[in-house]
């Protein structure tokens, strides 16, 4: 694991699930962090339930936490194991219009 991957994993692990009050690290929700290219990370997570009503919010919280890490230019977040994972992934990773 690269140093940047470690920093991102630590940052996103500190995000708190508002339903349980536990961090994502405590809940083992972050499944992988991979630096795809310099400054670009891909984070995979599994919500606590396949029907989690706030999975989109959790995905955005992960993305925002990853983007705060020094050296990160782009963060891609992928939800797995949720009934709406495709829609969540498309919305969270959609490029912002400038």
Protein backbone atom coordinates (compact mmCIF):
# COMPACT_ATOMS: atom_id res chain seq x y z
CA UNK A 1 0.00 0.00 0.00
CA UNK A 2 1.33 3.45 -0.90
CA UNK A 3 1.69 6.25 1.62
CA UNK A 4 -1.14 8.15 -0.07
CA UNK A 5 -3.41 5.09 0.12
CA UNK A 6 -2.63 4.82 3.85
CA UNK A 7 -3.51 8.48 4.40
CA UNK A 8 -6.78 8.15 2.48
CA UNK A 9 -7.74 4.95 4.31
CA UNK A 10 -7.08 6.70 7.63
CA UNK A 11 -9.10 9.79 6.61
CA UNK A 12 -12.13 7.92 5.30
CA UNK A 13 -11.98 5.53 8.25
CA UNK A 14 -12.64 8.49 10.56
CA UNK A 15 -15.98 9.29 8.89
CA UNK A 16 -18.81 8.57 11.33
CA UNK A 17 -21.96 6.67 10.38
CA UNK A 18 -24.75 8.94 11.72
CA UNK A 19 -27.04 5.95 12.34
CA UNK A 20 -24.64 4.03 14.59
CA UNK A 21 -22.24 6.72 15.80
CA UNK A 22 -19.33 4.44 14.84
CA UNK A 23 -16.54 5.28 12.42
CA UNK A 24 -16.29 3.51 9.10
CA UNK A 25 -13.05 1.93 10.34
CA UNK A 26 -14.83 0.54 13.42
CA UNK A 27 -17.59 -0.84 11.20
CA UNK A 28 -15.11 -2.26 8.63
CA UNK A 29 -17.02 -0.53 5.83
CA UNK A 30 -13.97 0.52 3.79
CA UNK A 31 -12.99 -2.48 1.70
CA UNK A 32 -10.23 -1.09 -0.47
CA UNK A 33 -8.25 2.04 -1.26
CA UNK A 34 -6.19 2.03 -4.44
CA UNK A 35 -4.12 4.78 -6.00
CA UNK A 36 -5.04 4.38 -9.67
CA UNK A 37 -2.56 7.01 -10.83
CA UNK A 38 -0.70 9.79 -9.01
CA UNK A 39 -3.24 11.78 -6.99
CA UNK A 40 -6.23 9.67 -8.05
CA UNK A 41 -7.68 7.19 -5.58
CA UNK A 42 -10.46 4.66 -5.82
CA UNK A 43 -12.26 3.78 -2.57
CA UNK A 44 -14.60 0.81 -2.24
CA UNK A 45 -17.08 0.52 0.62
CA UNK A 46 -19.97 -1.66 1.70
CA UNK A 47 -22.82 0.01 3.62
CA UNK A 48 -24.14 -1.66 6.74
CA UNK A 49 -27.28 -2.80 4.91
CA UNK A 50 -28.21 -3.44 1.26
CA UNK A 51 -31.16 -1.11 1.89
CA UNK A 52 -29.23 1.60 3.80
CA UNK A 53 -31.29 4.77 3.28
CA UNK A 54 -28.24 7.06 3.53
CA UNK A 55 -25.78 5.16 1.32
CA UNK A 56 -25.51 8.09 -1.11
CA UNK A 57 -24.69 10.45 1.78
CA UNK A 58 -22.10 7.98 3.10
CA UNK A 59 -20.50 7.76 -0.35
CA UNK A 60 -20.29 11.56 -0.56
CA UNK A 61 -18.85 11.73 2.97
CA UNK A 62 -16.14 9.26 1.91
CA UNK A 63 -15.40 11.24 -1.25
CA UNK A 64 -15.17 14.53 0.65
CA UNK A 65 -12.89 13.01 3.31
CA UNK A 66 -10.60 11.55 0.62
CA UNK A 67 -10.42 14.88 -1.24
CA UNK A 68 -9.17 16.63 1.92
CA UNK A 69 -6.04 14.47 1.98
CA UNK A 70 -2.99 16.38 0.74
CA UNK A 71 -1.98 15.18 -2.73
CA UNK A 72 -5.41 13.95 -3.79
CA UNK A 73 -6.66 15.46 -7.05
CA UNK A 74 -9.57 13.10 -7.63
CA UNK A 75 -11.42 10.52 -5.56
CA UNK A 76 -13.65 7.83 -7.02
CA UNK A 77 -15.97 6.08 -4.58
CA UNK A 78 -17.66 2.76 -5.28
CA UNK A 79 -20.48 1.37 -3.19
CA UNK A 80 -20.92 -2.42 -3.21
CA UNK A 81 -23.69 -4.62 -1.87
CA UNK A 82 -26.46 -2.01 -2.00
CA UNK A 83 -29.69 -2.34 -3.97
CA UNK A 84 -28.97 1.03 -5.67
CA UNK A 85 -25.20 0.75 -5.96
CA UNK A 86 -25.15 1.51 -9.70
CA UNK A 87 -27.09 4.76 -9.27
CA UNK A 88 -25.05 5.76 -6.21
CA UNK A 89 -21.76 5.12 -8.03
CA UNK A 90 -22.87 7.08 -11.10
CA UNK A 91 -24.00 10.08 -9.05
CA UNK A 92 -21.01 10.21 -6.71
CA UNK A 93 -18.44 9.88 -9.50
CA UNK A 94 -20.13 12.16 -12.01
CA UNK A 95 -17.77 14.89 -13.19
CA UNK A 96 -18.77 18.36 -12.04
CA UNK A 97 -19.51 20.83 -14.84
CA UNK A 98 -17.24 23.87 -14.76
